[in-house]
Amino acid sequence: MSDARRRLPAVSRILEGMQDHPAGARWPRHDLVEAIRSVLGSARETGTLPPDGDWTGAVAAWLEARDRRSLRPVINATGVPLHTNLGRAPLADTARDAVVRALGYSTLEFDREAGSRGSRQSHVAPLLAELTGAEDALVVNNAASALVLVLGALAARGETIVSRGELVEIGGAFRIPDILAKSGSVLVEVGTTNRTRLSDYTAALSPRTRLLLKVHRSNFQQRGFVSETDVTELAALGAARGIPVVHDVGSGLLTNLEPYGLTGEPSVGASAAAGAVVVFSGDKLLGGPQAGIVAGPRDTIATIAGDPMTRALRPDKVTFAALEATLRLYRDPARALREIPVLRMLTTDAATLTRRARRLARRIPGARTTPGTSTVGGGAFPDCTLPTTLVVVETASVDAGLAALRAQDPPVVARALDGAVVLDPRTIADDEIPVVARAVQAADLATS
């Protein structure tokens, strides 16, 4: 055994020293003993002692690390507003306030006027109908589960017709053929990978057809010799044959973003107007909490709501509170663009981004600005980029520099470009600029 290992103190000696340390008063004895044994075990295994023999400090640090929350706020400096790994859409201030108010007892399933049980869906269904033009709506815990629920409720023990070009993998190995099989519906593929006509759907209809499913290719694009059947045409076919049409539009676009250079995402309202049952996310372009939303004809929504799985997939009061508050903002489209963070980030003008980048660069020695682009993220607008101004920080090692920023408190998540660390002000709020600047300086990227 090395000399370092021979110098390991006894548990009782460190425990006695903890009496004069603030951690000794904060933590109960059994926690202190556990921490001491863990610190000693690590030293015994590695042969490395704490600097200056500060065993009490090492024990206190171990306890602090164990008690640190895993789910922590971060600063998103990537320029990707819908960053899936960072929780996608940040909530508007009004939605955050609504969440706090709903944390205690609430009218979640209580009809205040009648004094009897109510429906949690009543808090958002009328708003969703108003904003989408659909007759009714239903909310579950995410869009993937919404699609599973819809398929199981409408197409079990029958056939679902889908274009081959829309048999996509949404993410996390969530594949359309797999969930159709799970729902108990038989997949009928029509068309080809690149071209599917209305006549392909018509030819595939049979007495066993229960559903026509259209899936937006939300995380990739097809180019060249391609075509697809419009949801309006598909809905007309379904209406004529008495077969429901479901359109999974993905990101939940409720407002027109084309004036800001963002095109290609289907509108929830347009699909609902065509008569389709529309499935979409709450935490993407809609800008609310994680939720799966189904909007469509009243009788079809009633059928879906009556499925036993609906209860298993229902969201909690926090989701309903945040979603209701977010949806109310859409009653004034200009207010929605101002107050819903994702929409505000996506529509920020180039001049504002340049000013923000220069403010940040001035606070970071050696930083410079350069034109760049931002992406939307979350599978939305995959073919679109937005102009921005990047703050470039040179570093000895990009990987080490990014890691050093992530190690700050709060962590700063940036990205790499051409061998440097770059910070995109599109996703950095004005009040976060000093925090990011301090983090960069503390990370000492020049030597990282």
Protein backbone atom coordinates (compact mmCIF):
# COMPACT_ATOMS: atom_id res chain seq x y z
CA MET A 1 0.00 0.00 0.00
CA SER A 2 1.23 3.49 -0.85
CA ASP A 3 2.18 6.02 1.81
CA ALA A 4 -0.88 8.10 0.92
CA ARG A 5 -3.16 5.23 1.77
CA ARG A 6 -1.38 4.61 5.05
CA ARG A 7 -2.23 8.18 6.09
CA LEU A 8 -6.01 7.72 5.81
CA PRO A 9 -7.63 8.87 9.09
CA ALA A 10 -10.21 6.92 11.02
CA VAL A 11 -13.92 7.63 10.51
CA SER A 12 -14.25 8.74 14.12
CA ARG A 13 -11.48 11.31 13.75
CA ILE A 14 -13.09 12.99 10.73
CA LEU A 15 -16.48 12.82 12.42
CA GLU A 16 -15.06 14.62 15.44
CA GLY A 17 -13.61 17.31 13.15
CA MET A 18 -17.01 17.83 11.54
CA GLN A 19 -18.36 19.24 14.82
CA ASP A 20 -16.62 22.54 14.10
CA HIS A 21 -17.67 22.62 10.42
CA PRO A 22 -20.99 24.17 9.25
CA ALA A 23 -21.86 20.87 7.55
CA GLY A 24 -21.69 19.16 10.92
CA ALA A 25 -24.65 21.21 12.13
CA ARG A 26 -26.58 20.89 8.87
CA TRP A 27 -26.41 17.14 8.32
CA PRO A 28 -27.50 14.33 10.70
CA ARG A 29 -24.89 11.91 12.00
CA HIS A 30 -25.80 9.01 9.70
CA ASP A 31 -25.36 11.26 6.63
CA LEU A 32 -21.99 12.44 7.89
CA VAL A 33 -20.82 8.87 8.47
CA GLU A 34 -21.98 7.82 4.99
CA ALA A 35 -20.13 10.75 3.44
CA ILE A 36 -16.93 10.07 5.40
CA ARG A 37 -16.91 6.43 4.40
CA SER A 38 -17.46 7.34 0.76
CA VAL A 39 -14.66 9.94 0.76
CA LEU A 40 -12.28 7.51 2.48
CA GLY A 41 -13.25 4.75 0.06
CA SER A 42 -12.51 6.98 -2.92
CA ALA A 43 -9.12 7.97 -1.45
CA ARG A 44 -8.30 4.33 -0.75
CA GLU A 45 -9.20 3.35 -4.32
CA THR A 46 -7.39 6.20 -6.10
CA GLY A 47 -4.57 6.87 -3.66
CA THR A 48 -5.40 10.62 -3.82
CA LEU A 49 -5.86 12.63 -0.62
CA PRO A 50 -7.81 15.90 -0.33
CA PRO A 51 -5.71 19.06 -0.90
CA ASP A 52 -3.99 20.14 2.34
CA GLY A 53 -5.52 17.12 4.09
CA ASP A 54 -8.89 18.93 4.32
CA TRP A 55 -11.04 15.90 5.06
CA THR A 56 -13.90 17.91 6.50
CA GLY A 57 -14.04 20.03 3.35
CA ALA A 58 -14.05 16.92 1.18
CA VAL A 59 -16.89 15.44 3.22
CA ALA A 60 -18.89 18.68 3.00
CA ALA A 61 -18.33 18.81 -0.78
CA TRP A 62 -19.52 15.21 -1.12
CA LEU A 63 -22.70 16.02 0.79
CA GLU A 64 -23.35 19.14 -1.30
CA ALA A 65 -22.89 17.19 -4.52
CA ARG A 66 -25.24 14.45 -3.35
CA ASP A 67 -27.89 17.01 -2.39
CA ARG A 68 -27.65 19.02 -5.62
CA ARG A 69 -30.75 18.75 -7.77
CA SER A 70 -30.35 16.90 -11.04
CA LEU A 71 -33.02 18.91 -12.86
CA ARG A 72 -31.47 22.38 -12.91
CA PRO A 73 -32.03 25.61 -14.85
CA VAL A 74 -29.58 26.27 -17.66
CA ILE A 75 -28.92 29.13 -20.03
CA ASN A 76 -29.51 28.15 -23.63
CA ALA A 77 -26.84 29.89 -25.70
CA THR A 78 -27.18 27.55 -28.70
CA GLY A 79 -29.65 29.68 -30.63
CA VAL A 80 -32.03 26.69 -30.90
CA PRO A 81 -35.33 27.81 -29.29
CA LEU A 82 -36.93 24.34 -29.31
CA HIS A 83 -33.94 22.48 -27.89
CA THR A 84 -35.35 19.06 -26.97
CA ASN A 85 -32.49 18.22 -24.58
CA LEU A 86 -33.09 21.47 -22.69
CA GLY A 87 -36.84 20.99 -22.27
CA ARG A 88 -38.12 22.49 -25.53
CA ALA A 89 -40.40 25.51 -25.12
CA PRO A 90 -39.81 27.69 -22.04
CA LEU A 91 -43.09 28.87 -20.56
CA ALA A 92 -44.39 32.41 -20.77
CA ASP A 93 -44.42 34.38 -17.51
CA THR A 94 -48.22 34.15 -17.30
CA ALA A 95 -48.02 30.37 -17.69
CA ARG A 96 -45.39 30.13 -14.95
CA ASP A 97 -47.59 32.21 -12.64
CA ALA A 98 -50.55 29.96 -13.44
CA VAL A 99 -48.52 26.88 -12.54
CA VAL A 100 -47.62 28.33 -9.14
CA ARG A 101 -51.25 29.21 -8.42
CA ALA A 102 -52.39 25.71 -9.35
CA LEU A 103 -49.95 23.89 -7.07
CA GLY A 104 -52.33 23.86 -4.14
CA TYR A 105 -55.98 22.84 -4.21
CA SER A 106 -57.69 23.95 -7.41
CA THR A 107 -60.83 23.55 -9.52
CA LEU A 108 -59.12 20.85 -11.60
CA GLU A 109 -62.15 18.53 -11.64
CA PHE A 110 -64.65 20.61 -9.69
CA ASP A 111 -67.68 22.42 -11.10
CA ARG A 112 -67.78 25.46 -8.84
CA GLU A 113 -71.33 26.48 -9.78
CA ALA A 114 -72.88 23.04 -9.40
CA GLY A 115 -70.68 22.02 -6.48
CA SER A 116 -70.07 18.66 -8.13
CA ARG A 117 -67.41 16.84 -10.10
CA GLY A 118 -66.29 18.49 -13.33
CA SER A 119 -63.92 17.66 -16.19
CA ARG A 120 -60.28 18.74 -16.30
CA GLN A 121 -60.61 19.01 -20.07
CA SER A 122 -63.08 21.89 -19.63
CA HIS A 123 -60.24 24.28 -18.76
CA VAL A 124 -58.73 24.10 -22.25
CA ALA A 125 -61.17 22.41 -24.66
CA PRO A 126 -63.25 25.58 -25.33
CA LEU A 127 -60.06 27.61 -25.84
CA LEU A 128 -58.65 25.06 -28.26
CA ALA A 129 -61.91 24.98 -30.19
CA GLU A 130 -61.90 28.78 -30.37
CA LEU A 131 -58.30 29.03 -31.55
CA THR A 132 -58.23 26.09 -33.98
CA GLY A 133 -61.77 26.23 -35.35
CA ALA A 134 -62.35 22.61 -34.36
CA GLU A 135 -65.59 21.58 -32.66
CA ASP A 136 -63.91 20.00 -29.65
CA ALA A 137 -60.52 19.02 -28.25
CA LEU A 138 -58.82 16.65 -25.85
CA VAL A 139 -55.47 16.90 -24.07
CA VAL A 140 -53.18 14.05 -22.99
CA ASN A 141 -49.61 13.96 -21.74
CA ASN A 142 -47.71 14.22 -25.06
CA ALA A 143 -48.21 14.06 -28.81
CA ALA A 144 -46.87 10.53 -29.14
CA SER A 145 -49.41 9.22 -26.64
CA ALA A 146 -52.11 11.29 -28.35
CA LEU A 147 -51.44 9.49 -31.62
CA VAL A 148 -51.40 6.10 -29.88
CA LEU A 149 -54.71 6.93 -28.21
CA VAL A 150 -56.36 8.12 -31.43
CA LEU A 151 -55.27 5.06 -33.39
CA GLY A 152 -56.43 2.69 -30.67
CA ALA A 153 -59.79 4.42 -30.26
CA LEU A 154 -60.61 4.82 -33.95
CA ALA A 155 -58.79 2.09 -35.84
CA ALA A 156 -58.31 -0.97 -33.62
CA ARG A 157 -59.15 -4.26 -35.33
CA GLY A 158 -59.30 -2.49 -38.67
CA GLU A 159 -57.04 -1.02 -41.32
CA THR A 160 -55.26 2.34 -41.35
CA ILE A 161 -54.10 3.71 -44.70
CA VAL A 162 -50.82 5.67 -44.69
CA SER A 163 -48.59 6.99 -47.45
CA ARG A 164 -45.23 5.20 -47.69
CA GLY A 165 -43.59 8.61 -47.69
CA GLU A 166 -45.04 9.30 -44.23
CA LEU A 167 -44.01 6.11 -42.41
CA VAL A 168 -41.56 8.13 -40.40
CA GLU A 169 -39.58 7.75 -37.22
CA ILE A 170 -40.55 10.71 -35.08
CA GLY A 171 -37.74 10.34 -32.54
CA GLY A 172 -36.50 7.98 -29.88
CA ALA A 173 -37.28 5.03 -32.21
CA PHE A 174 -40.97 6.03 -32.18
CA ARG A 175 -42.02 4.70 -35.59
CA ILE A 176 -45.43 4.94 -37.25
CA PRO A 177 -45.58 1.23 -38.28
CA ASP A 178 -44.71 0.16 -34.74
CA ILE A 179 -47.37 2.26 -33.04
CA LEU A 180 -49.98 1.13 -35.56
CA ALA A 181 -49.19 -2.45 -34.67
CA LYS A 182 -49.35 -1.59 -30.97
CA SER A 183 -52.75 0.05 -31.39
CA GLY A 184 -54.19 -3.10 -32.95
CA SER A 185 -54.67 -1.55 -36.38
CA VAL A 186 -53.38 -3.09 -39.59
CA LEU A 187 -51.10 -0.85 -41.65
CA VAL A 188 -51.95 -0.45 -45.31
CA GLU A 189 -49.17 1.34 -47.21
CA VAL A 190 -50.05 3.31 -50.34
CA GLY A 191 -48.09 5.23 -52.95
CA THR A 192 -44.32 5.31 -53.06
CA THR A 193 -41.66 6.88 -50.89
CA ASN A 194 -41.63 10.05 -52.94
CA ARG A 195 -45.10 10.30 -54.56
CA THR A 196 -48.56 9.46 -53.22
CA ARG A 197 -51.76 10.49 -55.03
CA LEU A 198 -55.37 10.64 -53.86
CA SER A 199 -56.10 7.75 -56.21
CA ASP A 200 -53.68 5.60 -54.19
CA TYR A 201 -55.78 6.08 -51.06
CA THR A 202 -59.02 5.49 -52.98
CA ALA A 203 -57.77 2.24 -54.47
CA ALA A 204 -56.76 0.95 -51.02
CA LEU A 205 -60.17 1.48 -49.39
CA SER A 206 -61.89 -1.68 -48.20
CA PRO A 207 -64.68 -2.67 -45.80
CA ARG A 208 -61.97 -3.00 -43.14
CA THR A 209 -60.68 0.57 -43.52
CA ARG A 210 -61.12 2.46 -40.26
CA LEU A 211 -58.80 5.44 -40.68
CA LEU A 212 -56.87 7.57 -43.17
CA LEU A 213 -53.69 8.82 -41.48
CA LYS A 214 -51.51 11.68 -42.70
CA VAL A 215 -48.22 12.38 -40.87
CA HIS A 216 -46.24 15.58 -41.31
CA ARG A 217 -42.55 14.91 -41.99
CA SER A 218 -41.50 17.19 -39.17
CA ASN A 219 -37.81 16.41 -38.91
CA PHE A 220 -36.75 16.07 -42.55
CA GLN A 221 -37.65 17.27 -46.04
CA GLN A 222 -38.14 15.57 -49.39
CA ARG A 223 -36.94 17.36 -52.53
CA GLY A 224 -37.08 16.79 -56.26
CA PHE A 225 -39.61 14.48 -57.91
CA VAL A 226 -42.04 14.38 -54.97
CA SER A 227 -45.73 14.94 -54.31
CA GLU A 228 -48.24 14.21 -51.59
CA THR A 229 -51.99 14.36 -51.12
CA ASP A 230 -53.23 17.51 -49.46
CA VAL A 231 -55.16 17.05 -46.23
CA THR A 232 -58.15 18.85 -47.76
CA GLU A 233 -58.41 16.25 -50.51
CA LEU A 234 -57.91 13.42 -48.05
CA ALA A 235 -60.56 14.79 -45.68
CA ALA A 236 -63.04 15.09 -48.53
CA LEU A 237 -62.44 11.44 -49.42
CA GLY A 238 -62.89 10.42 -45.80
CA ALA A 239 -66.09 12.42 -45.43
CA ALA A 240 -67.55 10.87 -48.58
CA ARG A 241 -66.84 7.35 -47.30
CA GLY A 242 -67.60 7.98 -43.62
CA ILE A 243 -63.99 7.34 -42.60
CA PRO A 244 -62.19 9.67 -40.16
CA VAL A 245 -59.00 11.38 -41.32
CA VAL A 246 -56.26 12.04 -38.77
CA HIS A 247 -53.51 14.56 -39.47
CA ASP A 248 -50.47 14.47 -37.17
CA VAL A 249 -49.11 17.98 -37.79
CA GLY A 250 -46.35 17.72 -35.20
CA SER A 251 -45.40 21.12 -33.83
CA GLY A 252 -48.75 22.80 -33.23
CA LEU A 253 -48.48 25.96 -35.32
CA LEU A 254 -51.31 28.29 -34.34
CA THR A 255 -50.01 31.53 -35.85
CA ASN A 256 -48.56 32.57 -39.20
CA LEU A 257 -44.77 32.79 -39.12
CA GLU A 258 -44.22 33.14 -42.86
CA PRO A 259 -43.50 36.92 -42.57
CA TYR A 260 -40.45 35.90 -40.50
CA GLY A 261 -39.05 33.52 -43.10
CA LEU A 262 -40.48 30.34 -41.57
CA THR A 263 -42.45 28.24 -44.04
CA GLY A 264 -43.37 24.60 -44.51
CA GLU A 265 -45.16 23.74 -41.27
CA PRO A 266 -48.85 22.78 -41.55
CA SER A 267 -51.33 24.98 -39.72
CA VAL A 268 -53.51 23.36 -37.07
CA GLY A 269 -56.39 25.61 -38.10
CA ALA A 270 -56.17 24.67 -41.79
CA SER A 271 -56.28 20.95 -41.03
CA ALA A 272 -59.16 21.38 -38.60
CA ALA A 273 -61.06 23.47 -41.17
CA ALA A 274 -60.66 20.63 -43.66
CA GLY A 275 -62.47 18.34 -41.22
CA ALA A 276 -59.50 16.29 -40.06
CA VAL A 277 -58.78 15.16 -36.53
CA VAL A 278 -55.57 17.08 -35.77
CA VAL A 279 -52.85 15.79 -33.43
CA PHE A 280 -50.09 18.13 -32.25
CA SER A 281 -47.66 19.00 -29.46
CA GLY A 282 -48.09 21.59 -26.74
CA ASP A 283 -44.40 22.26 -26.07
CA LYS A 284 -43.13 23.04 -29.56
CA LEU A 285 -44.31 25.93 -31.73
CA LEU A 286 -47.37 26.39 -29.56
CA GLY A 287 -44.97 27.39 -26.78
CA GLY A 288 -46.69 25.72 -23.85
CA PRO A 289 -46.06 22.71 -21.58
CA GLN A 290 -45.49 19.16 -22.74
CA ALA A 291 -48.89 17.93 -23.89
CA GLY A 292 -50.53 16.03 -26.72
CA ILE A 293 -53.55 17.79 -28.17
CA VAL A 294 -56.30 16.25 -30.30
CA ALA A 295 -58.76 18.63 -31.99
CA GLY A 296 -61.56 17.75 -34.37
CA PRO A 297 -65.25 16.94 -34.86
CA ARG A 298 -67.21 16.68 -31.62
CA ASP A 299 -68.45 13.11 -32.09
CA THR A 300 -64.98 11.83 -32.98
CA ILE A 301 -63.40 13.53 -29.96
CA ALA A 302 -66.13 11.97 -27.78
CA THR A 303 -65.23 8.52 -29.11
CA ILE A 304 -61.55 9.10 -28.36
CA ALA A 305 -62.33 10.49 -24.89
CA GLY A 306 -64.35 7.37 -24.12
CA ASP A 307 -61.38 5.07 -24.66
CA PRO A 308 -60.12 3.58 -21.36
CA MET A 309 -56.56 4.72 -22.19
CA THR A 310 -57.62 8.36 -22.00
CA ARG A 311 -57.55 8.28 -18.20
CA ALA A 312 -54.14 6.61 -18.17
CA LEU A 313 -52.72 9.36 -20.40
CA ARG A 314 -54.35 12.41 -18.81
CA PRO A 315 -52.10 15.30 -17.73
CA ASP A 316 -51.97 16.77 -14.23
CA LYS A 317 -53.13 20.16 -12.96
CA VAL A 318 -49.76 21.79 -13.66
CA THR A 319 -50.02 20.98 -17.38
CA PHE A 320 -53.59 22.23 -17.63
CA ALA A 321 -52.75 25.45 -15.79
CA ALA A 322 -49.78 26.21 -18.05
CA LEU A 323 -51.61 25.25 -21.23
CA GLU A 324 -54.68 27.34 -20.42
CA ALA A 325 -52.55 30.41 -19.69
CA THR A 326 -50.53 29.93 -22.90
CA LEU A 327 -53.63 29.49 -25.05
CA ARG A 328 -55.23 32.65 -23.66
CA LEU A 329 -52.28 34.64 -25.02
CA TYR A 330 -53.22 33.58 -28.56
CA ARG A 331 -56.46 35.56 -28.38
CA ASP A 332 -54.25 38.56 -29.17
CA PRO A 333 -51.76 37.40 -31.84
CA ALA A 334 -49.46 40.38 -31.27
CA ARG A 335 -49.35 39.62 -27.56
CA ALA A 336 -48.59 35.97 -28.28
CA LEU A 337 -45.56 36.97 -30.36
CA ARG A 338 -44.34 39.25 -27.56
CA GLU A 339 -44.94 37.06 -24.53
CA ILE A 340 -44.57 33.43 -25.63
CA PRO A 341 -40.78 32.92 -25.44
CA VAL A 342 -40.43 30.59 -28.44
CA LEU A 343 -42.41 32.90 -30.72
CA ARG A 344 -40.49 35.91 -29.43
CA MET A 345 -37.16 34.20 -30.12
CA LEU A 346 -38.19 33.10 -33.61
CA THR A 347 -39.42 36.56 -34.58
CA THR A 348 -36.64 38.69 -33.08
CA ASP A 349 -35.33 41.05 -35.76
CA ALA A 350 -31.72 41.02 -36.98
CA ALA A 351 -30.91 44.47 -35.58
CA THR A 352 -31.93 43.44 -32.06
CA LEU A 353 -29.84 40.27 -32.27
CA THR A 354 -26.82 42.27 -33.44
CA ARG A 355 -27.15 44.74 -30.56
CA ARG A 356 -27.51 41.89 -28.08
CA ALA A 357 -24.45 40.11 -29.49
CA ARG A 358 -22.34 43.25 -29.29
CA ARG A 359 -23.40 43.85 -25.68
CA LEU A 360 -22.31 40.33 -24.80
CA ALA A 361 -19.04 40.50 -26.76
CA ARG A 362 -18.02 43.74 -25.03
CA ARG A 363 -18.19 41.94 -21.67
CA ILE A 364 -15.94 39.06 -22.80
CA PRO A 365 -12.25 39.87 -23.38
CA GLY A 366 -11.14 38.75 -26.83
CA ALA A 367 -14.64 37.90 -28.08
CA ARG A 368 -15.85 39.00 -31.50
CA THR A 369 -19.12 38.93 -33.42
CA THR A 370 -19.84 37.40 -36.81
CA PRO A 371 -22.95 36.75 -38.96
CA GLY A 372 -24.45 33.31 -38.51
CA THR A 373 -27.67 31.31 -38.54
CA SER A 374 -30.05 29.82 -36.00
CA THR A 375 -32.20 26.72 -36.36
CA VAL A 376 -35.65 26.21 -34.84
CA GLY A 377 -35.21 22.74 -33.31
CA GLY A 378 -37.78 20.27 -32.05
CA GLY A 379 -38.33 18.91 -35.57
CA ALA A 380 -40.05 22.16 -36.60
CA PHE A 381 -39.18 23.99 -39.82
CA PRO A 382 -36.29 21.57 -40.53
CA ASP A 383 -35.50 23.27 -43.84
CA CYS A 384 -35.38 26.83 -42.45
CA THR A 385 -32.57 28.84 -40.93
CA LEU A 386 -32.77 32.31 -39.43
CA PRO A 387 -30.06 34.98 -39.66
CA THR A 388 -28.37 35.91 -36.40
CA THR A 389 -25.17 37.44 -35.05
CA LEU A 390 -22.91 35.04 -33.20
CA VAL A 391 -20.46 35.83 -30.41
CA VAL A 392 -17.24 33.92 -31.10
CA VAL A 393 -14.88 32.95 -28.26
CA GLU A 394 -11.60 31.31 -29.21
CA THR A 395 -10.49 28.42 -27.02
CA ALA A 396 -7.61 25.98 -26.82
CA SER A 397 -10.05 23.06 -27.02
CA VAL A 398 -13.66 23.40 -28.14
CA ASP A 399 -14.80 20.30 -26.26
CA ALA A 400 -13.04 21.41 -23.06
CA GLY A 401 -14.44 24.93 -23.48
CA LEU A 402 -18.00 23.73 -23.89
CA ALA A 403 -17.57 21.45 -20.87
CA ALA A 404 -16.20 24.32 -18.79
CA LEU A 405 -19.27 26.41 -19.61
CA ARG A 406 -21.57 23.54 -18.69
CA ALA A 407 -19.78 23.28 -15.34
CA GLN A 408 -20.73 26.84 -14.36
CA ASP A 409 -23.63 27.73 -12.09
CA PRO A 410 -25.98 28.11 -13.85
CA PRO A 411 -24.67 25.92 -16.65
CA VAL A 412 -24.33 27.65 -20.03
CA VAL A 413 -24.96 25.42 -23.05
CA ALA A 414 -23.24 26.78 -26.17
CA ARG A 415 -22.20 25.27 -29.51
CA ALA A 416 -19.08 24.85 -31.59
CA LEU A 417 -18.37 26.41 -34.97
CA ASP A 418 -15.14 26.34 -36.97
CA GLY A 419 -13.00 25.41 -33.98
CA ALA A 420 -14.40 28.04 -31.61
CA VAL A 421 -17.15 28.30 -29.00
CA VAL A 422 -20.08 30.39 -30.23
CA LEU A 423 -22.94 31.96 -28.31
CA ASP A 424 -26.18 32.78 -30.15
CA PRO A 425 -28.13 35.72 -28.64
CA ARG A 426 -31.40 34.48 -30.14
CA THR A 427 -31.91 32.27 -27.08
CA ILE A 428 -30.14 34.49 -24.53
CA ALA A 429 -32.44 36.91 -22.72
CA ASP A 430 -31.26 40.47 -22.06
CA ASP A 431 -30.99 39.85 -18.31
CA GLU A 432 -28.91 36.72 -18.97
CA ILE A 433 -26.16 38.60 -20.83
CA PRO A 434 -24.16 39.52 -17.66
CA VAL A 435 -24.58 35.96 -16.36
CA VAL A 436 -23.27 34.43 -19.59
CA ALA A 437 -20.35 36.87 -19.68
CA ARG A 438 -19.34 35.97 -16.12
CA ALA A 439 -19.62 32.27 -16.94
CA VAL A 440 -17.35 32.62 -19.96
CA GLN A 441 -14.76 34.48 -17.96
CA ALA A 442 -14.95 32.01 -15.07
CA ALA A 443 -14.59 29.11 -17.49
CA ASP A 444 -11.33 30.68 -18.76
CA LEU A 445 -11.84 29.36 -22.29
CA ALA A 446 -8.47 30.61 -23.47
CA THR A 447 -6.78 27.90 -21.41
CA SER A 448 -9.55 25.28 -21.52
